[in-house]
Amino acid sequence: MIDPAALADDLAQAALTVPGVARLHGGALGEVGTYLPGRRVAGVRLAGDLAGGADGGLVELHVVVTAQAPVRTTAQAVHAAAAGVLAAHAVTAAVRVHVDDLAA
């Protein structure tokens, strides 16, 4: 069974450890996040059937990248880190990385 809280936390931590990622981004109105009992993980959205069902799962990571970091390379590294987390949790899902802003 998939623990969405552990998965969201691990995905957030993995994204934040990628060089060039300044922080996660919760969206202009705070709409991007995983809502859990008593809290939310901003910048991480889990959708669909993460257990590998017919509709498939989707993980979205919204990040802010430092101005010095190459955007495409950083996004690819976030994608790879997320794929590693999904494999560790035995989750089947597509991963989309959104670079929402650049940090000065």
PDB file of N, CA and C in Angstrom:
ATOM      1  N   MET A   1       0.833  -1.186   0.000  1.00  0.00           N
ATOM      2  CA  MET A   1       0.000   0.000   0.000  1.00  0.00           C
ATOM      3  C   MET A   1       0.880   1.254   0.000  1.00  0.00           C
ATOM      4  N   ILE A   2       0.451   2.236  -0.758  1.00  0.00           N
ATOM      5  CA  ILE A   2       1.219   3.469  -0.892  1.00  0.00           C
ATOM      6  C   ILE A   2       0.844   4.434   0.230  1.00  0.00           C
ATOM      7  N   ASP A   3       1.873   4.996   0.859  1.00  0.00           N
ATOM      8  CA  ASP A   3       1.677   6.015   1.899  1.00  0.00           C
ATOM      9  C   ASP A   3       1.890   7.374   1.245  1.00  0.00           C
ATOM     10  N   PRO A   4       0.815   8.109   0.930  1.00  0.00           N
ATOM     11  CA  PRO A   4       0.978   9.377   0.226  1.00  0.00           C
ATOM     12  C   PRO A   4       1.792  10.413   0.997  1.00  0.00           C
ATOM     13  N   ALA A   5       1.701  10.393   2.318  1.00  0.00           N
ATOM     14  CA  ALA A   5       2.469  11.354   3.113  1.00  0.00           C
ATOM     15  C   ALA A   5       3.963  11.093   2.971  1.00  0.00           C
ATOM     16  N   ALA A   6       4.366   9.848   3.115  1.00  0.00           N
ATOM     17  CA  ALA A   6       5.787   9.504   2.979  1.00  0.00           C
ATOM     18  C   ALA A   6       6.275   9.768   1.560  1.00  0.00           C
ATOM     19  N   LEU A   7       5.452   9.438   0.577  1.00  0.00           N
ATOM     20  CA  LEU A   7       5.835   9.658  -0.820  1.00  0.00           C
ATOM     21  C   LEU A   7       6.007  11.144  -1.098  1.00  0.00           C
ATOM     22  N   ALA A   8       5.051  11.960  -0.693  1.00  0.00           N
ATOM     23  CA  ALA A   8       5.142  13.403  -0.930  1.00  0.00           C
ATOM     24  C   ALA A   8       6.351  13.999  -0.214  1.00  0.00           C
ATOM     25  N   ASP A   9       6.581  13.588   1.031  1.00  0.00           N
ATOM     26  CA  ASP A   9       7.738  14.092   1.779  1.00  0.00           C
ATOM     27  C   ASP A   9       9.044  13.689   1.111  1.00  0.00           C
ATOM     28  N   ASP A  10       9.133  12.440   0.681  1.00  0.00           N
ATOM     29  CA  ASP A  10      10.366  11.972   0.034  1.00  0.00           C
ATOM     30  C   ASP A  10      10.598  12.667  -1.306  1.00  0.00           C
ATOM     31  N   LEU A  11       9.533  12.901  -2.068  1.00  0.00           N
ATOM     32  CA  LEU A  11       9.675  13.620  -3.339  1.00  0.00           C
ATOM     33  C   LEU A  11      10.128  15.051  -3.098  1.00  0.00           C
ATOM     34  N   ALA A  12       9.562  15.702  -2.096  1.00  0.00           N
ATOM     35  CA  ALA A  12       9.962  17.074  -1.773  1.00  0.00           C
ATOM     36  C   ALA A  12      11.430  17.115  -1.372  1.00  0.00           C
ATOM     37  N   GLN A  13      11.834  16.201  -0.508  1.00  0.00           N
ATOM     38  CA  GLN A  13      13.222  16.170  -0.048  1.00  0.00           C
ATOM     39  C   GLN A  13      14.180  15.905  -1.206  1.00  0.00           C
ATOM     40  N   ALA A  14      13.812  14.981  -2.088  1.00  0.00           N
ATOM     41  CA  ALA A  14      14.671  14.659  -3.228  1.00  0.00           C
ATOM     42  C   ALA A  14      14.835  15.879  -4.140  1.00  0.00           C
ATOM     43  N   ALA A  15      13.749  16.592  -4.390  1.00  0.00           N
ATOM     44  CA  ALA A  15      13.832  17.776  -5.248  1.00  0.00           C
ATOM     45  C   ALA A  15      14.704  18.852  -4.617  1.00  0.00           C
ATOM     46  N   LEU A  16      14.564  19.031  -3.316  1.00  0.00           N
ATOM     47  CA  LEU A  16      15.322  20.077  -2.633  1.00  0.00           C
ATOM     48  C   LEU A  16      16.816  19.780  -2.536  1.00  0.00           C
ATOM     49  N   THR A  17      17.194  18.525  -2.673  1.00  0.00           N
ATOM     50  CA  THR A  17      18.617  18.179  -2.614  1.00  0.00           C
ATOM     51  C   THR A  17      19.324  18.339  -3.960  1.00  0.00           C
ATOM     52  N   VAL A  18      18.571  18.593  -5.019  1.00  0.00           N
ATOM     53  CA  VAL A  18      19.175  18.775  -6.341  1.00  0.00           C
ATOM     54  C   VAL A  18      19.877  20.134  -6.377  1.00  0.00           C
ATOM     55  N   PRO A  19      21.150  20.157  -6.754  1.00  0.00           N
ATOM     56  CA  PRO A  19      21.848  21.444  -6.867  1.00  0.00           C
ATOM     57  C   PRO A  19      21.131  22.367  -7.849  1.00  0.00           C
ATOM     58  N   GLY A  20      20.949  23.604  -7.428  1.00  0.00           N
ATOM     59  CA  GLY A  20      20.268  24.573  -8.278  1.00  0.00           C
ATOM     60  C   GLY A  20      18.807  24.778  -7.916  1.00  0.00           C
ATOM     61  N   VAL A  21      18.231  23.903  -7.104  1.00  0.00           N
ATOM     62  CA  VAL A  21      16.844  24.087  -6.675  1.00  0.00           C
ATOM     63  C   VAL A  21      16.851  24.937  -5.407  1.00  0.00           C
ATOM     64  N   ALA A  22      16.193  26.093  -5.487  1.00  0.00           N
ATOM     65  CA  ALA A  22      16.139  27.000  -4.344  1.00  0.00           C
ATOM     66  C   ALA A  22      15.042  26.588  -3.367  1.00  0.00           C
ATOM     67  N   ARG A  23      13.886  26.206  -3.917  1.00  0.00           N
ATOM     68  CA  ARG A  23      12.750  25.798  -3.086  1.00  0.00           C
ATOM     69  C   ARG A  23      11.664  25.212  -3.972  1.00  0.00           C
ATOM     70  N   LEU A  24      10.674  24.633  -3.324  1.00  0.00           N
ATOM     71  CA  LEU A  24       9.483  24.180  -4.027  1.00  0.00           C
ATOM     72  C   LEU A  24       8.533  25.363  -4.167  1.00  0.00           C
ATOM     73  N   HIS A  25       7.659  25.297  -5.161  1.00  0.00           N
ATOM     74  CA  HIS A  25       6.741  26.398  -5.426  1.00  0.00           C
ATOM     75  C   HIS A  25       5.310  25.881  -5.337  1.00  0.00           C
ATOM     76  N   GLY A  26       4.517  26.512  -4.491  1.00  0.00           N
ATOM     77  CA  GLY A  26       3.144  26.075  -4.274  1.00  0.00           C
ATOM     78  C   GLY A  26       2.126  26.637  -5.245  1.00  0.00           C
ATOM     79  N   GLY A  27       2.577  27.349  -6.264  1.00  0.00           N
ATOM     80  CA  GLY A  27       1.653  27.942  -7.224  1.00  0.00           C
ATOM     81  C   GLY A  27       1.321  29.376  -6.843  1.00  0.00           C
ATOM     82  N   ALA A  28       0.801  30.131  -7.781  1.00  0.00           N
ATOM     83  CA  ALA A  28       0.502  31.544  -7.562  1.00  0.00           C
ATOM     84  C   ALA A  28      -0.523  31.749  -6.450  1.00  0.00           C
ATOM     85  N   LEU A  29      -1.450  30.813  -6.334  1.00  0.00           N
ATOM     86  CA  LEU A  29      -2.491  30.924  -5.315  1.00  0.00           C
ATOM     87  C   LEU A  29      -2.409  29.781  -4.303  1.00  0.00           C
ATOM     88  N   GLY A  30      -1.289  29.097  -4.266  1.00  0.00           N
ATOM     89  CA  GLY A  30      -1.132  27.984  -3.333  1.00  0.00           C
ATOM     90  C   GLY A  30      -1.853  26.732  -3.753  1.00  0.00           C
ATOM     91  N   GLU A  31      -2.166  26.630  -5.040  1.00  0.00           N
ATOM     92  CA  GLU A  31      -2.967  25.508  -5.532  1.00  0.00           C
ATOM     93  C   GLU A  31      -2.180  24.230  -5.791  1.00  0.00           C
ATOM     94  N   VAL A  32      -0.876  24.292  -5.780  1.00  0.00           N
ATOM     95  CA  VAL A  32      -0.061  23.117  -6.059  1.00  0.00           C
ATOM     96  C   VAL A  32       0.420  22.521  -4.747  1.00  0.00           C
ATOM     97  N   GLY A  33      -0.070  21.364  -4.434  1.00  0.00           N
ATOM     98  CA  GLY A  33       0.358  20.718  -3.203  1.00  0.00           C
ATOM     99  C   GLY A  33      -0.326  19.385  -2.999  1.00  0.00           C
ATOM    100  N   THR A  34       0.209  18.640  -2.073  1.00  0.00           N
ATOM    101  CA  THR A  34      -0.411  17.393  -1.648  1.00  0.00           C
ATOM    102  C   THR A  34      -1.035  17.664  -0.286  1.00  0.00           C
ATOM    103  N   TYR A  35      -2.334  17.511  -0.233  1.00  0.00           N
ATOM    104  CA  TYR A  35      -3.074  17.810   0.988  1.00  0.00           C
ATOM    105  C   TYR A  35      -3.179  16.550   1.834  1.00  0.00           C
ATOM    106  N   LEU A  36      -2.696  16.663   3.063  1.00  0.00           N
ATOM    107  CA  LEU A  36      -2.648  15.552   4.001  1.00  0.00           C
ATOM    108  C   LEU A  36      -3.363  15.968   5.282  1.00  0.00           C
ATOM    109  N   PRO A  37      -3.704  15.033   6.122  1.00  0.00           N
ATOM    110  CA  PRO A  37      -4.359  15.412   7.373  1.00  0.00           C
ATOM    111  C   PRO A  37      -3.488  16.378   8.194  1.00  0.00           C
ATOM    112  N   GLY A  38      -3.987  17.586   8.388  1.00  0.00           N
ATOM    113  CA  GLY A  38      -3.292  18.565   9.214  1.00  0.00           C
ATOM    114  C   GLY A  38      -2.172  19.331   8.551  1.00  0.00           C
ATOM    115  N   ARG A  39      -1.869  19.054   7.289  1.00  0.00           N
ATOM    116  CA  ARG A  39      -0.771  19.765   6.628  1.00  0.00           C
ATOM    117  C   ARG A  39      -0.833  19.549   5.124  1.00  0.00           C
ATOM    118  N   ARG A  40       0.030  20.251   4.424  1.00  0.00           N
ATOM    119  CA  ARG A  40       0.168  20.017   2.983  1.00  0.00           C
ATOM    120  C   ARG A  40       1.635  20.136   2.608  1.00  0.00           C
ATOM    121  N   VAL A  41       1.997  19.456   1.546  1.00  0.00           N
ATOM    122  CA  VAL A  41       3.353  19.516   1.015  1.00  0.00           C
ATOM    123  C   VAL A  41       3.276  20.378  -0.242  1.00  0.00           C
ATOM    124  N   ALA A  42       3.700  21.629  -0.111  1.00  0.00           N
ATOM    125  CA  ALA A  42       3.634  22.577  -1.219  1.00  0.00           C
ATOM    126  C   ALA A  42       4.613  22.184  -2.316  1.00  0.00           C
ATOM    127  N   GLY A  43       4.167  22.340  -3.560  1.00  0.00           N
ATOM    128  CA  GLY A  43       5.035  22.085  -4.704  1.00  0.00           C
ATOM    129  C   GLY A  43       5.061  20.653  -5.180  1.00  0.00           C
ATOM    130  N   VAL A  44       4.356  19.762  -4.493  1.00  0.00           N
ATOM    131  CA  VAL A  44       4.294  18.347  -4.892  1.00  0.00           C
ATOM    132  C   VAL A  44       2.829  17.980  -5.074  1.00  0.00           C
ATOM    133  N   ARG A  45       2.470  17.548  -6.281  1.00  0.00           N
ATOM    134  CA  ARG A  45       1.094  17.129  -6.547  1.00  0.00           C
ATOM    135  C   ARG A  45       1.094  15.662  -6.964  1.00  0.00           C
ATOM    136  N   LEU A  46       0.313  14.859  -6.262  1.00  0.00           N
ATOM    137  CA  LEU A  46       0.132  13.451  -6.587  1.00  0.00           C
ATOM    138  C   LEU A  46      -1.259  13.294  -7.176  1.00  0.00           C
ATOM    139  N   ALA A  47      -1.350  12.653  -8.342  1.00  0.00           N
ATOM    140  CA  ALA A  47      -2.651  12.500  -8.991  1.00  0.00           C
ATOM    141  C   ALA A  47      -2.759  11.131  -9.642  1.00  0.00           C
ATOM    142  N   GLY A  48      -3.976  10.714  -9.863  1.00  0.00           N
ATOM    143  CA  GLY A  48      -4.226   9.453 -10.544  1.00  0.00           C
ATOM    144  C   GLY A  48      -3.973   8.257  -9.655  1.00  0.00           C
ATOM    145  N   ASP A  49      -3.896   7.098 -10.277  1.00  0.00           N
ATOM    146  CA  ASP A  49      -3.707   5.839  -9.566  1.00  0.00           C
ATOM    147  C   ASP A  49      -2.226   5.520  -9.480  1.00  0.00           C
ATOM    148  N   LEU A  50      -1.615   5.861  -8.365  1.00  0.00           N
ATOM    149  CA  LEU A  50      -0.176   5.658  -8.189  1.00  0.00           C
ATOM    150  C   LEU A  50       0.179   4.192  -7.985  1.00  0.00           C
ATOM    151  N   ALA A  51      -0.814   3.348  -7.797  1.00  0.00           N
ATOM    152  CA  ALA A  51      -0.566   1.915  -7.625  1.00  0.00           C
ATOM    153  C   ALA A  51      -0.468   1.197  -8.967  1.00  0.00           C
ATOM    154  N   GLY A  52      -0.511   1.937 -10.063  1.00  0.00           N
ATOM    155  CA  GLY A  52      -0.336   1.323 -11.377  1.00  0.00           C
ATOM    156  C   GLY A  52      -1.626   0.912 -12.035  1.00  0.00           C
ATOM    157  N   GLY A  53      -2.704   1.581 -11.704  1.00  0.00           N
ATOM    158  CA  GLY A  53      -4.002   1.273 -12.290  1.00  0.00           C
ATOM    159  C   GLY A  53      -4.082   1.704 -13.740  1.00  0.00           C
ATOM    160  N   ALA A  54      -5.252   1.517 -14.309  1.00  0.00           N
ATOM    161  CA  ALA A  54      -5.457   1.771 -15.731  1.00  0.00           C
ATOM    162  C   ALA A  54      -5.220   3.224 -16.119  1.00  0.00           C
ATOM    163  N   ASP A  55      -5.608   4.178 -15.248  1.00  0.00           N
ATOM    164  CA  ASP A  55      -5.440   5.584 -15.618  1.00  0.00           C
ATOM    165  C   ASP A  55      -4.023   6.089 -15.381  1.00  0.00           C
ATOM    166  N   GLY A  56      -3.214   5.319 -14.687  1.00  0.00           N
ATOM    167  CA  GLY A  56      -1.837   5.715 -14.437  1.00  0.00           C
ATOM    168  C   GLY A  56      -1.749   6.854 -13.434  1.00  0.00           C
ATOM    169  N   GLY A  57      -0.595   6.988 -12.853  1.00  0.00           N
ATOM    170  CA  GLY A  57      -0.392   8.038 -11.873  1.00  0.00           C
ATOM    171  C   GLY A  57       0.394   9.177 -12.469  1.00  0.00           C
ATOM    172  N   LEU A  58       0.346  10.295 -11.786  1.00  0.00           N
ATOM    173  CA  LEU A  58       1.079  11.476 -12.210  1.00  0.00           C
ATOM    174  C   LEU A  58       1.641  12.171 -10.979  1.00  0.00           C
ATOM    175  N   VAL A  59       2.906  12.530 -11.061  1.00  0.00           N
ATOM    176  CA  VAL A  59       3.563  13.316 -10.024  1.00  0.00           C
ATOM    177  C   VAL A  59       4.031  14.610 -10.671  1.00  0.00           C
ATOM    178  N   GLU A  60       3.636  15.725 -10.080  1.00  0.00           N
ATOM    179  CA  GLU A  60       4.106  17.025 -10.540  1.00  0.00           C
ATOM    180  C   GLU A  60       4.961  17.639  -9.449  1.00  0.00           C
ATOM    181  N   LEU A  61       6.106  18.149  -9.841  1.00  0.00           N
ATOM    182  CA  LEU A  61       7.000  18.867  -8.933  1.00  0.00           C
ATOM    183  C   LEU A  61       7.179  20.272  -9.488  1.00  0.00           C
ATOM    184  N   HIS A  62       6.863  21.256  -8.669  1.00  0.00           N
ATOM    185  CA  HIS A  62       7.004  22.657  -9.061  1.00  0.00           C
ATOM    186  C   HIS A  62       8.148  23.252  -8.251  1.00  0.00           C
ATOM    187  N   VAL A  63       9.172  23.733  -8.961  1.00  0.00           N
ATOM    188  CA  VAL A  63      10.378  24.195  -8.287  1.00  0.00           C
ATOM    189  C   VAL A  63      10.748  25.613  -8.697  1.00  0.00           C
ATOM    190  N   VAL A  64      11.536  26.242  -7.848  1.00  0.00           N
ATOM    191  CA  VAL A  64      12.185  27.527  -8.140  1.00  0.00           C
ATOM    192  C   VAL A  64      13.670  27.212  -8.260  1.00  0.00           C
ATOM    193  N   VAL A  65      14.265  27.640  -9.351  1.00  0.00           N
ATOM    194  CA  VAL A  65      15.666  27.344  -9.650  1.00  0.00           C
ATOM    195  C   VAL A  65      16.496  28.604  -9.433  1.00  0.00           C
ATOM    196  N   THR A  66      17.704  28.436  -8.900  1.00  0.00           N
ATOM    197  CA  THR A  66      18.590  29.583  -8.725  1.00  0.00           C
ATOM    198  C   THR A  66      18.973  30.155 -10.088  1.00  0.00           C
ATOM    199  N   ALA A  67      19.225  31.448 -10.123  1.00  0.00           N
ATOM    200  CA  ALA A  67      19.532  32.118 -11.382  1.00  0.00           C
ATOM    201  C   ALA A  67      20.808  31.597 -12.028  1.00  0.00           C
ATOM    202  N   GLN A  68      21.730  31.066 -11.210  1.00  0.00           N
ATOM    203  CA  GLN A  68      23.003  30.581 -11.748  1.00  0.00           C
ATOM    204  C   GLN A  68      22.897  29.165 -12.325  1.00  0.00           C
ATOM    205  N   ALA A  69      21.868  28.445 -11.994  1.00  0.00           N
ATOM    206  CA  ALA A  69      21.747  27.043 -12.412  1.00  0.00           C
ATOM    207  C   ALA A  69      21.171  26.953 -13.822  1.00  0.00           C
ATOM    208  N   PRO A  70      21.678  26.022 -14.612  1.00  0.00           N
ATOM    209  CA  PRO A  70      21.086  25.792 -15.935  1.00  0.00           C
ATOM    210  C   PRO A  70      19.695  25.156 -15.754  1.00  0.00           C
ATOM    211  N   VAL A  71      18.676  25.820 -16.268  1.00  0.00           N
ATOM    212  CA  VAL A  71      17.298  25.417 -16.005  1.00  0.00           C
ATOM    213  C   VAL A  71      17.013  24.004 -16.493  1.00  0.00           C
ATOM    214  N   ARG A  72      17.336  23.719 -17.739  1.00  0.00           N
ATOM    215  CA  ARG A  72      17.013  22.401 -18.310  1.00  0.00           C
ATOM    216  C   ARG A  72      17.746  21.282 -17.561  1.00  0.00           C
ATOM    217  N   THR A  73      19.003  21.476 -17.280  1.00  0.00           N
ATOM    218  CA  THR A  73      19.788  20.459 -16.575  1.00  0.00           C
ATOM    219  C   THR A  73      19.256  20.244 -15.166  1.00  0.00           C
ATOM    220  N   THR A  74      18.883  21.325 -14.502  1.00  0.00           N
ATOM    221  CA  THR A  74      18.344  21.214 -13.150  1.00  0.00           C
ATOM    222  C   THR A  74      17.008  20.483 -13.167  1.00  0.00           C
ATOM    223  N   ALA A  75      16.153  20.817 -14.106  1.00  0.00           N
ATOM    224  CA  ALA A  75      14.856  20.135 -14.217  1.00  0.00           C
ATOM    225  C   ALA A  75      15.043  18.642 -14.498  1.00  0.00           C
ATOM    226  N   GLN A  76      15.997  18.305 -15.342  1.00  0.00           N
ATOM    227  CA  GLN A  76      16.271  16.896 -15.634  1.00  0.00           C
ATOM    228  C   GLN A  76      16.767  16.175 -14.383  1.00  0.00           C
ATOM    229  N   ALA A  77      17.582  16.842 -13.587  1.00  0.00           N
ATOM    230  CA  ALA A  77      18.078  16.238 -12.346  1.00  0.00           C
ATOM    231  C   ALA A  77      16.942  16.040 -11.335  1.00  0.00           C
ATOM    232  N   VAL A  78      16.008  16.981 -11.276  1.00  0.00           N
ATOM    233  CA  VAL A  78      14.837  16.820 -10.401  1.00  0.00           C
ATOM    234  C   VAL A  78      14.011  15.629 -10.878  1.00  0.00           C
ATOM    235  N   HIS A  79      13.835  15.509 -12.174  1.00  0.00           N
ATOM    236  CA  HIS A  79      13.085  14.382 -12.742  1.00  0.00           C
ATOM    237  C   HIS A  79      13.741  13.057 -12.364  1.00  0.00           C
ATOM    238  N   ALA A  80      15.045  12.977 -12.502  1.00  0.00           N
ATOM    239  CA  ALA A  80      15.768  11.745 -12.166  1.00  0.00           C
ATOM    240  C   ALA A  80      15.657  11.431 -10.673  1.00  0.00           C
ATOM    241  N   ALA A  81      15.744  12.452  -9.836  1.00  0.00           N
ATOM    242  CA  ALA A  81      15.619  12.240  -8.390  1.00  0.00           C
ATOM    243  C   ALA A  81      14.229  11.732  -8.048  1.00  0.00           C
ATOM    244  N   ALA A  82      13.211  12.297  -8.684  1.00  0.00           N
ATOM    245  CA  ALA A  82      11.835  11.861  -8.438  1.00  0.00           C
ATOM    246  C   ALA A  82      11.630  10.425  -8.910  1.00  0.00           C
ATOM    247  N   ALA A  83      12.211  10.079 -10.043  1.00  0.00           N
ATOM    248  CA  ALA A  83      12.094   8.703 -10.539  1.00  0.00           C
ATOM    249  C   ALA A  83      12.699   7.712  -9.558  1.00  0.00           C
ATOM    250  N   GLY A  84      13.805   8.091  -8.932  1.00  0.00           N
ATOM    251  CA  GLY A  84      14.426   7.233  -7.928  1.00  0.00           C
ATOM    252  C   GLY A  84      13.530   7.044  -6.710  1.00  0.00           C
ATOM    253  N   VAL A  85      12.870   8.100  -6.284  1.00  0.00           N
ATOM    254  CA  VAL A  85      11.941   8.011  -5.145  1.00  0.00           C
ATOM    255  C   VAL A  85      10.766   7.111  -5.507  1.00  0.00           C
ATOM    256  N   LEU A  86      10.224   7.287  -6.693  1.00  0.00           N
ATOM    257  CA  LEU A  86       9.095   6.454  -7.108  1.00  0.00           C
ATOM    258  C   LEU A  86       9.479   4.983  -7.155  1.00  0.00           C
ATOM    259  N   ALA A  87      10.656   4.695  -7.660  1.00  0.00           N
ATOM    260  CA  ALA A  87      11.122   3.309  -7.699  1.00  0.00           C
ATOM    261  C   ALA A  87      11.266   2.742  -6.288  1.00  0.00           C
ATOM    262  N   ALA A  88      11.794   3.541  -5.368  1.00  0.00           N
ATOM    263  CA  ALA A  88      11.963   3.087  -3.988  1.00  0.00           C
ATOM    264  C   ALA A  88      10.623   2.821  -3.310  1.00  0.00           C
ATOM    265  N   HIS A  89       9.593   3.542  -3.708  1.00  0.00           N
ATOM    266  CA  HIS A  89       8.250   3.355  -3.140  1.00  0.00           C
ATOM    267  C   HIS A  89       7.411   2.371  -3.963  1.00  0.00           C
ATOM    268  N   ALA A  90       7.984   1.809  -5.014  1.00  0.00           N
ATOM    269  CA  ALA A  90       7.273   0.884  -5.916  1.00  0.00           C
ATOM    270  C   ALA A  90       6.014   1.534  -6.491  1.00  0.00           C
ATOM    271  N   VAL A  91       6.173   2.780  -6.942  1.00  0.00           N
ATOM    272  CA  VAL A  91       5.063   3.546  -7.508  1.00  0.00           C
ATOM    273  C   VAL A  91       5.293   3.714  -8.996  1.00  0.00           C
ATOM    274  N   THR A  92       4.226   3.511  -9.766  1.00  0.00           N
ATOM    275  CA  THR A  92       4.275   3.729 -11.202  1.00  0.00           C
ATOM    276  C   THR A  92       3.562   5.037 -11.506  1.00  0.00           C
ATOM    277  N   ALA A  93       4.292   5.991 -12.032  1.00  0.00           N
ATOM    278  CA  ALA A  93       3.690   7.287 -12.341  1.00  0.00           C
ATOM    279  C   ALA A  93       4.582   8.047 -13.311  1.00  0.00           C
ATOM    280  N   ALA A  94       3.942   8.885 -14.108  1.00  0.00           N
ATOM    281  CA  ALA A  94       4.686   9.825 -14.937  1.00  0.00           C
ATOM    282  C   ALA A  94       5.134  10.975 -14.041  1.00  0.00           C
ATOM    283  N   VAL A  95       6.251  11.591 -14.393  1.00  0.00           N
ATOM    284  CA  VAL A  95       6.777  12.716 -13.616  1.00  0.00           C
ATOM    285  C   VAL A  95       6.840  13.941 -14.520  1.00  0.00           C
ATOM    286  N   ARG A  96       6.282  15.033 -14.028  1.00  0.00           N
ATOM    287  CA  ARG A  96       6.392  16.319 -14.717  1.00  0.00           C
ATOM    288  C   ARG A  96       7.045  17.306 -13.774  1.00  0.00           C
ATOM    289  N   VAL A  97       8.087  17.952 -14.268  1.00  0.00           N
ATOM    290  CA  VAL A  97       8.794  18.964 -13.488  1.00  0.00           C
ATOM    291  C   VAL A  97       8.489  20.318 -14.115  1.00  0.00           C
ATOM    292  N   HIS A  98       8.028  21.236 -13.279  1.00  0.00           N
ATOM    293  CA  HIS A  98       7.716  22.590 -13.716  1.00  0.00           C
ATOM    294  C   HIS A  98       8.663  23.550 -13.014  1.00  0.00           C
ATOM    295  N   VAL A  99       9.384  24.351 -13.793  1.00  0.00           N
ATOM    296  CA  VAL A  99      10.206  25.408 -13.222  1.00  0.00           C
ATOM    297  C   VAL A  99       9.331  26.662 -13.231  1.00  0.00           C
ATOM    298  N   ASP A 100       8.847  27.030 -12.043  1.00  0.00           N
ATOM    299  CA  ASP A 100       7.880  28.110 -11.921  1.00  0.00           C
ATOM    300  C   ASP A 100       8.518  29.487 -11.771  1.00  0.00           C
ATOM    301  N   ASP A 101       9.777  29.527 -11.359  1.00  0.00           N
ATOM    302  CA  ASP A 101      10.401  30.833 -11.139  1.00  0.00           C
ATOM    303  C   ASP A 101      11.916  30.656 -11.025  1.00  0.00           C
ATOM    304  N   LEU A 102      12.617  31.788 -11.114  1.00  0.00           N
ATOM    305  CA  LEU A 102      14.058  31.831 -10.876  1.00  0.00           C
ATOM    306  C   LEU A 102      14.307  32.668  -9.642  1.00  0.00           C
ATOM    307  N   ALA A 103      15.181  32.187  -8.779  1.00  0.00           N
ATOM    308  CA  ALA A 103      15.547  32.916  -7.561  1.00  0.00           C
ATOM    309  C   ALA A 103      16.785  33.751  -7.847  1.00  0.00           C
ATOM    310  N   ALA A 104      16.790  34.952  -7.335  1.00  0.00           N
ATOM    311  CA  ALA A 104      17.942  35.846  -7.532  1.00  0.00           C
ATOM    312  C   ALA A 104      19.101  35.400  -6.693  1.00  0.00           C
TER     313      ALA A 104
END
